[in-house]
Amino acid sequence: MKFKENNRKAFMSIEPNIYDQLNSDYDLIVSCFEYLRGKIPTILNIDRDDIEVFLVSFCNFSGQYYPAIGIRDKVDSKESVNFDFFEIDEKVETWLANLGIENLKQKAKEIKSIDWKTLQELKEYPSQI
C-alpha cells in the first residue's frame, strides 16, 4: 500500500497478495477486489461515511499498471481518518486468509463488476468526482 496522488486527492493503495494465486487474471482480480471493496469499512472498523473506497488502475515505479483498491478520506468528511499502512495490510490479509481464495472467487462471481479494460479506461471506479 502506498499513497498516490491522482487527479483529485491523494489516496492509499491496498494491494492484497492475491495476484499470483489468481494467475494474474486481472478481470478476476478486479471482480475479487470489487467484492473486497464493499467489505473494507467493516474489515478496518471505519465508518463508511468517512471514507471513499474504490478500485484503481495503479501504476508502479516500473510503469506497469495493475488493479488495486484505493482508500481516502471523503471530501466532506468532518474528521480525517488515520490510515496506518501496516495495520490496514495486516487486517486485510488476515481477513482474506480467513475467507480463503476459493471462497473469495465464489463471492466475486456472485456480484456485478467491471472488467480490467474498463477500469484502465476509468482510472478509478466508482468515480468519486
Foldseek 3Di string as FASTA:
>chain_A
DAWDDDPPGIWGWADAPCCVVVVNQQQLVQLLVVLVQVCLCVLLVHPPQFKDKKWFQDQDPVRDTGITIIMATQPPHPDGDDDDPVVSNVSSNVVDVVCDPVNSSVVSVVDDGDGPVVRVVVRIPPDPD
